Amino acid sequence: MKGSTHRRCYCRDPKTGKPLGENCPKRANRRHGSYSIRQELPSREDGTRRSFNRGGYTALKEAQAELDHVRALLGLADSDDADSVSRLVAMLEEIVTEKAPLPSVEETRRRLNAGIALRGSLTVGEWLDTWFAAKKRRKTTLNGYASHIRVHLKPRIGHIRLDRLNVGHLVEMFDAIADENENIAAENQARHEQITHTKPSKPGRPVAAERERLADERTKLAEMKPFRKLNGPSTWQAIRRTLRAALNSAISQQLITFNPASHVELASGRRPKPLLWTEERVRRWRETGEIPGPVMVWTPAQFGQYLDAADGDRLYPAFHLMGTRGLRRGETAGQEWLDVDLDSRHITPAKEIVVDGWDPYESEPKTDGSADTIALDTLNVLVLREHRARQNKERAEWGPAWQNSGKVFTQEDGSALHPETLSETFRRILATTNLPPITLRDLRHVAATLTHGGGGDIHTVKATLRHSTITLTSDTYTSLLPELDQEVAEKAANLIPRARKSPDESAPTARPLLQAPKNEAVSEPN
């Protein structure tokens, strides 16, 4: 498109006040007056012409450089890319109106490619909104991103310019989250104490004065903040992962060159280690009511007691499958008969039902490895055959009203099972037993103990649980598997033939390797 530079004189005739123009006697001096530029822009939709005009340049070289800058900005978009051309022209027209400086060509290119505003200082909050809008993930994953952005990231660092975000900003953010935890803990404690004040001091119907006092205490309780969950190291790590992913995307769009989220140091957010409900731990739990760890796992004998209690319930086969083969709750609810081969004794968790808030929806497996085929033992095959026979009987009883969802575990009418139904049924049956508590998800850990106890190593556990990496399996179960190895250690020690016998046994027994028998000296090391 056409463009040009020209020099203009602003001198006026002292008598008439009219511009002298070409008649100015000083015009021969190249430094007299100022230079202007004019660059034609693409015509409007109605065909009318428009241009970029600016003056006030003191030298021709300066004016030419500015004209080249305008042309470079226009050249960022291909002529057949109408949207990009329109955005660039609109930007140039705004710059002329506001008499603003021209933006950097490189910065404008990055913004144009990223689909964000071509002008202005892009903030972290604006980029997070742009990044999130383009994400294509599972609903539950997107809900996590949205929560991190809404609750933590935008309120604390959303106002900072994206290209100025640094590690110090993130350290301050996580320090503020830790401080907020202290406030939450104090408010939760105050609410707990206030709840105790709302209870009658003596059993029975309270007297009038007591009722008045209780009403006041309940009013105070209603004015207090509800209980809130603390944001621990695992949540901090999740917040950082969200920010790190967003900033990596900004780097790929060439909006920034450094990702501070990759360099901020946080407390470890590793998964809690599962612990077995040993006899000693069960005894202490019964005495104190305290659970030794956040993730507890039944022994095979304890799981057997639960199955005995669940036997006869229509969801008994689901709990049997989850506790022996490690299916997740959503995978169990989404399992289809199409992906179960009882003759070949294989099952493939190819679908899962995920809960978004309370609304369930069907989704692909969590990872590609989650859909791996795993083997079924003879007892599982028998349990599932009996379950299918019962389901066929229900189908006949419901007749035309039967909903053929194709799922293995369903409601009585054949409709898909809400995942929370599994959890509720699991808790209901557990309440009828004297077993120590675990959650439905912990049945997956039970499957790990059974797999290892049956002779499987850490790689077999990984394959059974369909973890994405061996590191995940190792990090999770390093505290659990050594306890299961005790029997193996005992058997290994008993393989050593010894002449000395224990007082109460006739068979040879092993003695401690570092203890010498009587009348024998321990040789000194060289």
Protein backbone atom coordinates (compact mmCIF):
# COMPACT_ATOMS: atom_id res chain seq x y z
CA MET A 1 0.00 0.00 0.00
CA LYS A 2 1.09 3.55 -0.68
CA GLY A 3 2.87 5.57 1.97
CA SER A 4 5.01 8.68 2.06
CA THR A 5 6.85 11.22 4.16
CA HIS A 6 6.66 14.99 3.67
CA ARG A 7 7.95 18.15 5.32
CA ARG A 8 5.58 20.82 6.46
CA CYS A 9 6.14 24.43 7.57
CA TYR A 10 3.83 25.92 10.14
CA CYS A 11 4.98 29.55 9.73
CA ARG A 12 2.25 32.15 9.10
CA ASP A 13 2.11 35.59 7.49
CA PRO A 14 2.34 38.09 10.38
CA LYS A 15 -0.19 40.40 8.68
CA THR A 16 -2.83 37.98 7.40
CA GLY A 17 -2.18 35.01 9.70
CA LYS A 18 -2.32 32.63 6.75
CA PRO A 19 0.18 29.70 6.46
CA LEU A 20 3.19 30.64 4.31
CA GLY A 21 3.65 27.12 2.99
CA GLU A 22 5.96 27.02 0.00
CA ASN A 23 6.55 30.81 0.29
CA CYS A 24 8.27 30.55 3.68
CA PRO A 25 11.79 32.01 3.34
CA LYS A 26 13.16 29.47 5.80
CA ARG A 27 11.94 26.46 3.84
CA ALA A 28 15.30 26.05 2.11
CA ASN A 29 16.73 25.01 5.47
CA ARG A 30 16.14 21.25 5.83
CA ARG A 31 15.89 21.57 9.57
CA HIS A 32 13.05 24.04 9.33
CA GLY A 33 9.56 22.75 9.97
CA SER A 34 8.70 19.12 10.78
CA TYR A 35 8.09 15.90 8.93
CA SER A 36 4.87 13.93 8.69
CA ILE A 37 4.01 10.43 7.46
CA ARG A 38 0.99 9.01 5.74
CA GLN A 39 0.33 5.31 5.21
CA GLU A 40 -2.75 4.04 3.44
CA LEU A 41 -4.68 1.34 5.29
CA PRO A 42 -7.06 -1.29 3.85
CA SER A 43 -10.32 0.30 2.78
CA ARG A 44 -13.42 0.04 4.90
CA GLU A 45 -16.20 -2.40 4.03
CA ASP A 46 -18.08 0.37 2.23
CA GLY A 47 -15.02 1.11 0.08
CA THR A 48 -14.04 4.42 1.69
CA ARG A 49 -10.34 5.04 2.16
CA ARG A 50 -8.54 5.37 5.46
CA SER A 51 -4.94 6.08 6.41
CA PHE A 52 -2.46 6.36 9.25
CA ASN A 53 -1.32 10.01 9.57
CA ARG A 54 1.14 11.39 12.08
CA GLY A 55 3.42 14.42 12.19
CA GLY A 56 5.88 16.26 14.39
CA TYR A 57 9.05 14.40 13.40
CA THR A 58 12.13 16.65 13.54
CA ALA A 59 14.13 14.70 10.95
CA LEU A 60 13.41 12.80 7.77
CA LYS A 61 15.23 9.74 9.10
CA GLU A 62 12.98 9.65 12.14
CA ALA A 63 9.84 9.95 10.02
CA GLN A 64 10.97 7.22 7.63
CA ALA A 65 11.70 4.87 10.53
CA GLU A 66 8.21 5.42 11.90
CA LEU A 67 6.68 4.79 8.48
CA ASP A 68 8.64 1.54 8.17
CA HIS A 69 7.39 0.58 11.64
CA VAL A 70 3.76 1.06 10.56
CA ARG A 71 4.36 -1.02 7.42
CA ALA A 72 6.00 -3.79 9.47
CA LEU A 73 2.96 -3.94 11.74
CA LEU A 74 0.63 -4.17 8.76
CA GLY A 75 2.82 -6.91 7.30
CA LEU A 76 2.28 -9.19 10.31
CA ALA A 77 -0.98 -10.47 8.80
CA ASP A 78 -1.39 -12.21 5.46
CA SER A 79 -3.60 -10.35 3.02
CA ASP A 80 -6.11 -13.25 3.03
CA ASP A 81 -6.34 -13.27 6.84
CA ALA A 82 -9.19 -10.80 7.13
CA ASP A 83 -9.53 -11.12 10.91
CA SER A 84 -5.87 -10.37 11.63
CA VAL A 85 -5.84 -7.48 9.13
CA SER A 86 -8.93 -6.02 10.77
CA ARG A 87 -7.39 -6.27 14.25
CA LEU A 88 -4.17 -4.58 13.12
CA VAL A 89 -5.98 -1.73 11.35
CA ALA A 90 -8.21 -1.17 14.38
CA MET A 91 -5.11 -0.98 16.57
CA LEU A 92 -3.44 1.60 14.28
CA GLU A 93 -6.58 3.73 14.19
CA GLU A 94 -6.74 3.69 18.01
CA ILE A 95 -3.08 4.73 18.18
CA VAL A 96 -3.71 7.68 15.88
CA THR A 97 -6.74 8.80 17.88
CA GLU A 98 -4.98 8.46 21.23
CA LYS A 99 -1.66 9.78 19.90
CA ALA A 100 -0.03 6.74 21.49
CA PRO A 101 3.38 5.29 20.56
CA LEU A 102 3.57 2.33 18.17
CA PRO A 103 3.96 -1.06 19.89
CA SER A 104 6.87 -3.41 19.30
CA VAL A 105 6.56 -5.51 16.17
CA GLU A 106 7.66 -8.67 18.02
CA GLU A 107 5.26 -8.12 20.91
CA THR A 108 2.41 -7.45 18.48
CA ARG A 109 3.25 -10.63 16.56
CA ARG A 110 3.09 -12.68 19.76
CA ARG A 111 -0.21 -11.16 20.77
CA LEU A 112 -1.65 -11.62 17.28
CA ASN A 113 -0.67 -15.30 17.24
CA ALA A 114 -1.99 -15.83 20.77
CA GLY A 115 -5.35 -14.29 19.88
CA ILE A 116 -5.20 -11.75 22.69
CA ALA A 117 -5.56 -7.95 22.73
CA LEU A 118 -2.90 -6.27 20.61
CA ARG A 119 -2.50 -3.35 22.97
CA GLY A 120 -2.22 -2.85 26.68
CA SER A 121 -0.15 -4.49 29.39
CA LEU A 122 -1.25 -8.12 29.56
CA THR A 123 -1.76 -9.17 33.18
CA VAL A 124 -1.46 -12.62 34.70
CA GLY A 125 -5.22 -12.66 35.29
CA GLU A 126 -5.98 -11.81 31.65
CA TRP A 127 -3.66 -14.53 30.42
CA LEU A 128 -5.13 -17.11 32.81
CA ASP A 129 -8.60 -16.35 31.43
CA THR A 130 -7.34 -16.69 27.84
CA TRP A 131 -5.45 -19.90 28.60
CA PHE A 132 -8.36 -21.49 30.47
CA ALA A 133 -10.85 -20.66 27.70
CA ALA A 134 -8.76 -22.65 25.22
CA LYS A 135 -8.30 -25.74 27.43
CA LYS A 136 -9.88 -29.02 26.36
CA ARG A 137 -9.84 -31.38 29.32
CA ARG A 138 -12.12 -33.52 31.46
CA LYS A 139 -14.72 -31.54 33.38
CA THR A 140 -13.23 -32.47 36.72
CA THR A 141 -9.79 -31.30 35.59
CA LEU A 142 -11.22 -28.03 34.28
CA ASN A 143 -13.08 -27.56 37.56
CA GLY A 144 -9.77 -27.85 39.39
CA TYR A 145 -8.14 -25.28 37.08
CA ALA A 146 -11.09 -22.92 37.50
CA SER A 147 -10.98 -23.21 41.29
CA HIS A 148 -7.25 -22.51 41.45
CA ILE A 149 -7.61 -19.50 39.16
CA ARG A 150 -10.69 -18.06 40.88
CA VAL A 151 -9.75 -18.66 44.52
CA HIS A 152 -5.98 -18.30 44.61
CA LEU A 153 -4.23 -17.09 41.45
CA LYS A 154 -6.30 -14.13 40.19
CA PRO A 155 -6.98 -12.59 43.63
CA ARG A 156 -3.29 -12.71 44.59
CA ILE A 157 -1.26 -12.26 41.38
CA GLY A 158 -3.86 -11.52 38.70
CA HIS A 159 -3.03 -7.79 38.65
CA ILE A 160 0.68 -8.29 37.92
CA ARG A 161 1.93 -7.80 34.38
CA LEU A 162 2.59 -11.20 32.83
CA ASP A 163 6.09 -10.31 31.67
CA ARG A 164 7.01 -9.02 35.15
CA LEU A 165 5.87 -12.02 37.20
CA ASN A 166 8.78 -13.47 39.16
CA VAL A 167 9.56 -16.07 41.81
CA GLY A 168 9.25 -13.48 44.59
CA HIS A 169 5.62 -12.84 43.67
CA LEU A 170 4.87 -16.56 43.97
CA VAL A 171 6.69 -16.90 47.29
CA GLU A 172 4.52 -14.09 48.66
CA MET A 173 1.40 -15.76 47.27
CA PHE A 174 2.09 -19.11 48.92
CA ASP A 175 3.10 -17.39 52.17
CA ALA A 176 -0.26 -15.63 52.09
CA ILE A 177 -2.04 -18.96 51.55
CA ALA A 178 -0.17 -20.39 54.56
CA ASP A 179 -1.17 -17.37 56.66
CA GLU A 180 -4.77 -17.83 55.55
CA ASN A 181 -4.56 -21.43 56.74
CA GLU A 182 -3.85 -20.16 60.24
CA ASN A 183 -6.91 -17.93 60.07
CA ILE A 184 -9.05 -20.80 58.80
CA ALA A 185 -7.81 -23.09 61.57
CA ALA A 186 -8.57 -20.47 64.21
CA GLU A 187 -12.06 -19.81 62.78
CA ASN A 188 -12.79 -23.55 62.59
CA GLN A 189 -11.70 -23.98 66.21
CA ALA A 190 -13.87 -21.05 67.31
CA ARG A 191 -16.84 -22.59 65.51
CA HIS A 192 -16.23 -25.95 67.20
CA GLU A 193 -16.18 -24.23 70.59
CA GLN A 194 -19.31 -22.26 69.78
CA ILE A 195 -21.14 -25.46 68.83
CA THR A 196 -20.50 -26.82 72.32
CA HIS A 197 -22.12 -23.69 73.75
CA THR A 198 -25.32 -24.39 71.82
CA LYS A 199 -25.90 -27.68 73.62
CA PRO A 200 -28.00 -27.86 76.81
CA SER A 201 -25.99 -28.08 80.01
CA LYS A 202 -28.24 -30.85 81.33
CA PRO A 203 -30.23 -33.60 79.60
CA GLY A 204 -33.92 -33.07 79.19
CA ARG A 205 -35.99 -30.04 78.22
CA PRO A 206 -34.13 -26.83 79.21
CA VAL A 207 -35.79 -24.23 81.41
CA ALA A 208 -36.81 -20.82 80.04
CA ALA A 209 -33.54 -19.12 81.00
CA GLU A 210 -31.55 -21.93 79.44
CA ARG A 211 -33.61 -21.78 76.24
CA GLU A 212 -32.97 -18.04 75.98
CA ARG A 213 -29.24 -18.58 76.43
CA LEU A 214 -29.18 -21.34 73.82
CA ALA A 215 -31.03 -19.12 71.35
CA ASP A 216 -28.38 -16.42 71.79
CA GLU A 217 -25.59 -18.93 71.33
CA ARG A 218 -27.20 -20.29 68.16
CA THR A 219 -27.51 -16.75 66.82
CA LYS A 220 -23.79 -16.24 67.40
CA LEU A 221 -23.08 -19.54 65.64
CA ALA A 222 -25.16 -18.52 62.62
CA GLU A 223 -23.11 -15.32 62.29
CA MET A 224 -19.80 -17.20 62.23
CA LYS A 225 -18.10 -18.37 59.05
CA PRO A 226 -18.78 -21.99 58.06
CA PHE A 227 -16.12 -24.63 58.41
CA ARG A 228 -13.48 -24.34 55.71
CA LYS A 229 -10.90 -26.80 54.47
CA LEU A 230 -7.21 -26.04 54.96
CA ASN A 231 -5.01 -25.78 51.87
CA GLY A 232 -2.15 -28.16 52.55
CA PRO A 233 1.03 -28.97 50.59
CA SER A 234 -0.84 -31.14 48.09
CA THR A 235 -3.15 -28.24 47.24
CA TRP A 236 -0.16 -25.90 46.92
CA GLN A 237 1.45 -28.27 44.47
CA ALA A 238 -1.77 -28.48 42.46
CA ILE A 239 -2.02 -24.66 42.33
CA ARG A 240 1.56 -24.46 41.12
CA ARG A 241 0.93 -27.11 38.45
CA THR A 242 -1.98 -25.08 37.11
CA LEU A 243 0.07 -21.87 37.00
CA ARG A 244 3.09 -23.66 35.55
CA ALA A 245 0.98 -25.09 32.71
CA ALA A 246 -0.51 -21.66 31.95
CA LEU A 247 2.91 -19.98 31.94
CA ASN A 248 4.41 -22.73 29.76
CA SER A 249 1.66 -21.99 27.26
CA ALA A 250 2.58 -18.29 27.43
CA ILE A 251 6.19 -19.22 26.69
CA SER A 252 5.11 -21.26 23.66
CA GLN A 253 3.20 -18.18 22.47
CA GLN A 254 6.41 -16.16 22.98
CA LEU A 255 4.66 -13.85 25.45
CA ILE A 256 7.30 -14.53 28.12
CA THR A 257 10.64 -16.32 28.25
CA PHE A 258 10.78 -17.45 31.91
CA ASN A 259 8.43 -19.59 34.00
CA PRO A 260 8.76 -18.63 37.70
CA ALA A 261 6.35 -21.40 38.75
CA SER A 262 9.02 -23.95 37.81
CA HIS A 263 11.48 -22.44 40.28
CA VAL A 264 9.47 -21.63 43.40
CA GLU A 265 10.18 -24.07 46.25
CA LEU A 266 7.24 -25.57 48.11
CA ALA A 267 6.76 -28.11 50.84
CA SER A 268 6.43 -31.65 49.58
CA GLY A 269 2.97 -32.52 48.29
CA ARG A 270 3.54 -36.23 47.87
CA ARG A 271 0.71 -38.68 48.24
CA PRO A 272 0.29 -39.97 51.80
CA LYS A 273 1.74 -43.41 52.37
CA PRO A 274 -0.83 -46.16 53.01
CA LEU A 275 -0.53 -48.11 56.26
CA LEU A 276 -1.86 -51.57 57.08
CA TRP A 277 -4.37 -52.00 59.87
CA THR A 278 -2.11 -54.24 61.96
CA GLU A 279 -3.33 -55.70 65.26
CA GLU A 280 -1.44 -53.07 67.25
CA ARG A 281 -2.86 -50.20 65.19
CA VAL A 282 -6.37 -51.60 65.51
CA ARG A 283 -5.93 -51.92 69.29
CA ARG A 284 -4.75 -48.31 69.66
CA TRP A 285 -7.58 -47.09 67.42
CA ARG A 286 -10.15 -48.84 69.60
CA GLU A 287 -8.60 -47.28 72.71
CA THR A 288 -8.11 -43.72 71.48
CA GLY A 289 -10.27 -43.39 68.36
CA GLU A 290 -7.24 -41.98 66.52
CA ILE A 291 -6.50 -43.22 63.00
CA PRO A 292 -2.74 -43.68 62.46
CA GLY A 293 -2.63 -42.16 58.97
CA PRO A 294 -4.71 -40.53 56.24
CA VAL A 295 -4.71 -43.70 54.13
CA MET A 296 -5.34 -47.00 55.90
CA VAL A 297 -5.52 -50.44 54.31
CA TRP A 298 -7.16 -53.65 55.45
CA THR A 299 -5.25 -56.87 55.69
CA PRO A 300 -6.52 -59.76 53.55
CA ALA A 301 -8.26 -61.22 56.61
CA GLN A 302 -10.02 -57.92 57.32
CA PHE A 303 -11.11 -57.59 53.70
CA GLY A 304 -12.47 -61.12 53.92
CA GLN A 305 -14.58 -60.09 56.92
CA TYR A 306 -15.99 -57.19 54.94
CA LEU A 307 -16.86 -59.41 51.98
CA ASP A 308 -18.64 -61.78 54.35
CA ALA A 309 -20.71 -58.83 55.61
CA ALA A 310 -21.40 -57.63 52.06
CA ASP A 311 -22.31 -61.07 50.70
CA GLY A 312 -25.92 -60.98 49.55
CA ASP A 313 -25.95 -57.26 48.73
CA ARG A 314 -26.54 -56.61 45.02
CA LEU A 315 -23.30 -54.57 44.89
CA TYR A 316 -21.21 -57.25 46.57
CA PRO A 317 -19.60 -58.21 43.22
CA ALA A 318 -18.48 -54.59 42.71
CA PHE A 319 -16.67 -54.47 46.04
CA HIS A 320 -15.15 -57.88 45.39
CA LEU A 321 -13.83 -56.69 42.02
CA MET A 322 -12.52 -53.37 43.36
CA GLY A 323 -10.72 -54.97 46.30
CA THR A 324 -9.05 -57.69 44.26
CA ARG A 325 -8.39 -56.06 40.87
CA GLY A 326 -8.05 -52.42 41.88
CA LEU A 327 -10.75 -50.75 39.77
CA ARG A 328 -11.46 -47.12 40.63
CA ARG A 329 -14.96 -46.06 41.69
CA GLY A 330 -15.74 -44.32 38.38
CA GLU A 331 -14.35 -47.25 36.40
CA THR A 332 -16.52 -49.69 38.34
CA ALA A 333 -19.65 -47.61 37.74
CA GLY A 334 -18.78 -47.23 34.05
CA GLN A 335 -17.70 -50.82 33.36
CA GLU A 336 -19.59 -52.38 30.45
CA TRP A 337 -20.25 -56.06 29.80
CA LEU A 338 -18.88 -55.47 26.32
CA ASP A 339 -15.40 -55.12 27.87
CA VAL A 340 -15.65 -58.19 30.11
CA ASP A 341 -14.60 -61.60 28.76
CA LEU A 342 -15.44 -64.20 31.40
CA ASP A 343 -14.38 -67.10 29.20
CA SER A 344 -10.90 -65.68 28.66
CA ARG A 345 -10.94 -64.19 32.17
CA HIS A 346 -10.09 -60.62 31.22
CA ILE A 347 -11.59 -57.19 31.93
CA THR A 348 -10.87 -53.81 30.32
CA PRO A 349 -11.95 -50.64 32.18
CA ALA A 350 -12.60 -48.66 28.98
CA LYS A 351 -15.20 -46.25 30.38
CA GLU A 352 -15.75 -44.42 33.63
CA ILE A 353 -18.48 -42.32 35.14
CA VAL A 354 -17.16 -39.07 36.59
CA VAL A 355 -19.06 -36.80 38.96
CA ASP A 356 -19.10 -33.06 38.22
CA GLY A 357 -20.43 -31.60 41.44
CA TRP A 358 -23.24 -34.11 41.72
CA ASP A 359 -24.02 -34.62 38.04
CA PRO A 360 -22.49 -37.80 36.60
CA TYR A 361 -21.21 -38.04 33.03
CA GLU A 362 -19.42 -40.74 31.09
CA SER A 363 -15.80 -40.16 30.14
CA GLU A 364 -12.79 -41.88 28.66
CA PRO A 365 -10.31 -43.35 31.16
CA LYS A 366 -8.09 -41.02 33.16
CA THR A 367 -4.99 -42.00 31.15
CA ASP A 368 -4.25 -44.30 28.22
CA GLY A 369 -2.82 -46.86 30.66
CA SER A 370 -6.03 -46.82 32.69
CA ALA A 371 -7.75 -48.72 29.87
CA ASP A 372 -5.27 -51.61 29.94
CA THR A 373 -6.73 -55.11 30.07
CA ILE A 374 -6.18 -56.99 33.34
CA ALA A 375 -6.71 -60.62 34.26
CA LEU A 376 -9.58 -62.02 36.30
CA ASP A 377 -9.10 -64.82 38.80
CA THR A 378 -11.43 -67.82 38.93
CA LEU A 379 -13.34 -66.52 41.95
CA ASN A 380 -13.98 -63.15 40.31
CA VAL A 381 -15.26 -64.93 37.22
CA LEU A 382 -17.64 -66.99 39.37
CA VAL A 383 -18.89 -63.90 41.24
CA LEU A 384 -19.48 -62.00 38.00
CA ARG A 385 -21.30 -64.94 36.39
CA GLU A 386 -23.66 -65.09 39.36
CA HIS A 387 -24.10 -61.33 39.17
CA ARG A 388 -24.96 -61.49 35.47
CA ALA A 389 -27.53 -64.20 36.13
CA ARG A 390 -29.13 -62.00 38.78
CA GLN A 391 -29.12 -59.04 36.41
CA ASN A 392 -30.79 -61.11 33.69
CA LYS A 393 -33.46 -62.08 36.20
CA GLU A 394 -34.04 -58.39 36.99
CA ARG A 395 -34.24 -57.65 33.27
CA ALA A 396 -37.01 -60.24 32.89
CA GLU A 397 -38.89 -58.87 35.91
CA TRP A 398 -38.80 -55.28 34.63
CA GLY A 399 -39.76 -56.24 31.09
CA PRO A 400 -40.21 -53.25 28.72
CA ALA A 401 -39.29 -50.82 31.52
CA TRP A 402 -35.77 -52.24 31.68
CA GLN A 403 -33.09 -49.69 30.68
CA ASN A 404 -30.39 -51.44 28.72
CA SER A 405 -27.40 -49.33 29.77
CA GLY A 406 -24.96 -52.15 29.06
CA LYS A 407 -23.27 -51.56 32.42
CA VAL A 408 -22.11 -54.38 34.65
CA PHE A 409 -23.28 -52.69 37.85
CA THR A 410 -26.64 -50.93 37.57
CA GLN A 411 -29.74 -49.88 39.40
CA GLU A 412 -32.54 -52.45 39.66
CA ASP A 413 -34.07 -51.14 36.42
CA GLY A 414 -30.80 -51.46 34.49
CA SER A 415 -29.98 -47.75 34.48
CA ALA A 416 -26.43 -46.58 35.06
CA LEU A 417 -25.23 -46.44 38.63
CA HIS A 418 -24.30 -43.11 40.21
CA PRO A 419 -20.75 -43.50 41.61
CA GLU A 420 -21.84 -42.13 44.98
CA THR A 421 -24.23 -45.08 45.31
CA LEU A 422 -21.15 -47.31 45.53
CA SER A 423 -19.68 -45.14 48.28
CA GLU A 424 -22.92 -44.96 50.26
CA THR A 425 -23.45 -48.72 50.06
CA PHE A 426 -19.84 -49.38 51.06
CA ARG A 427 -20.19 -47.16 54.15
CA ARG A 428 -23.54 -48.69 55.07
CA ILE A 429 -22.15 -52.22 55.05
CA LEU A 430 -18.98 -51.14 56.90
CA ALA A 431 -21.13 -49.69 59.68
CA THR A 432 -22.56 -53.17 60.35
CA THR A 433 -19.09 -54.60 61.06
CA ASN A 434 -16.48 -54.14 63.77
CA LEU A 435 -13.73 -53.41 61.25
CA PRO A 436 -11.39 -50.40 61.44
CA PRO A 437 -12.36 -47.66 58.97
CA ILE A 438 -11.17 -47.24 55.41
CA THR A 439 -12.70 -45.46 52.41
CA LEU A 440 -14.03 -47.01 49.22
CA ARG A 441 -10.98 -45.66 47.36
CA ASP A 442 -8.75 -47.56 49.79
CA LEU A 443 -10.01 -50.84 48.30
CA ARG A 444 -7.57 -50.04 45.52
CA HIS A 445 -4.78 -50.25 48.09
CA VAL A 446 -6.24 -53.52 49.34
CA ALA A 447 -5.84 -54.85 45.80
CA ALA A 448 -2.17 -53.86 45.93
CA THR A 449 -1.62 -55.81 49.16
CA LEU A 450 -3.36 -58.87 47.74
CA THR A 451 -1.37 -58.69 44.51
CA HIS A 452 1.92 -58.43 46.37
CA GLY A 453 0.89 -61.01 48.95
CA GLY A 454 0.11 -63.38 46.08
CA GLY A 455 3.70 -63.13 44.85
CA GLY A 456 3.56 -60.08 42.63
CA ASP A 457 6.40 -57.56 42.70
CA ILE A 458 6.15 -53.77 42.36
CA HIS A 459 5.92 -54.07 38.57
CA THR A 460 2.96 -56.45 38.90
CA VAL A 461 1.27 -54.03 41.30
CA LYS A 462 1.81 -51.22 38.76
CA ALA A 463 0.24 -53.31 35.97
CA THR A 464 -2.73 -54.30 38.14
CA LEU A 465 -3.47 -50.74 39.28
CA ARG A 466 -2.64 -49.39 35.80
CA HIS A 467 -0.43 -46.60 37.09
CA SER A 468 1.17 -44.39 34.46
CA THR A 469 4.69 -44.83 35.86
CA ILE A 470 6.52 -47.23 38.14
CA THR A 471 7.59 -44.16 40.15
CA LEU A 472 3.97 -43.49 41.12
CA THR A 473 3.54 -47.06 42.32
CA SER A 474 6.84 -47.04 44.20
CA ASP A 475 6.23 -43.67 45.87
CA THR A 476 2.79 -44.79 47.02
CA TYR A 477 3.51 -48.30 48.27
CA THR A 478 7.09 -48.26 49.59
CA SER A 479 5.71 -47.95 53.14
CA LEU A 480 3.14 -50.71 52.66
CA LEU A 481 4.98 -53.52 50.88
CA PRO A 482 7.75 -54.05 53.49
CA GLU A 483 5.09 -55.02 56.02
CA LEU A 484 3.83 -57.63 53.60
CA ASP A 485 7.38 -58.87 53.09
CA GLN A 486 7.63 -60.00 56.73
CA GLU A 487 6.39 -63.49 55.92
CA VAL A 488 8.85 -63.73 53.04
CA ALA A 489 11.66 -62.68 55.39
CA GLU A 490 10.66 -65.34 57.92
CA LYS A 491 10.57 -68.04 55.26
CA ALA A 492 13.97 -66.98 53.98
CA ALA A 493 15.49 -67.16 57.48
CA ASN A 494 14.01 -70.62 58.07
CA LEU A 495 15.77 -71.95 54.99
CA ILE A 496 19.09 -71.89 56.94
CA PRO A 497 19.73 -75.32 58.54
CA ARG A 498 21.08 -75.03 62.10
CA ALA A 499 22.23 -77.61 64.65
CA ARG A 500 21.03 -75.64 67.64
CA LYS A 501 17.36 -76.19 68.56
CA SER A 502 14.99 -73.84 70.31
CA PRO A 503 13.85 -74.86 73.82
CA ASP A 504 10.26 -75.57 72.78
CA GLU A 505 10.91 -77.07 69.36
CA SER A 506 12.65 -80.16 68.14
CA ALA A 507 13.42 -78.69 64.75
CA PRO A 508 16.60 -76.67 64.12
CA THR A 509 16.23 -72.93 64.46
CA ALA A 510 18.25 -69.97 63.29
CA ARG A 511 20.20 -67.82 65.74
CA PRO A 512 20.97 -64.12 65.39
CA LEU A 513 23.86 -63.67 63.04
CA LEU A 514 25.66 -61.20 65.35
CA GLN A 515 25.38 -63.36 68.51
CA ALA A 516 27.94 -66.06 69.16
CA PRO A 517 26.89 -69.25 70.96
CA LYS A 518 28.25 -69.97 74.41
CA ASN A 519 31.84 -71.18 74.61
CA GLU A 520 32.52 -69.67 71.21
CA ALA A 521 34.45 -66.46 70.68
CA VAL A 522 33.64 -63.87 68.14
CA SER A 523 36.71 -63.24 66.03
CA GLU A 524 37.91 -59.66 65.94
CA PRO A 525 37.85 -57.97 62.56
CA ASN A 526 41.21 -57.46 60.91
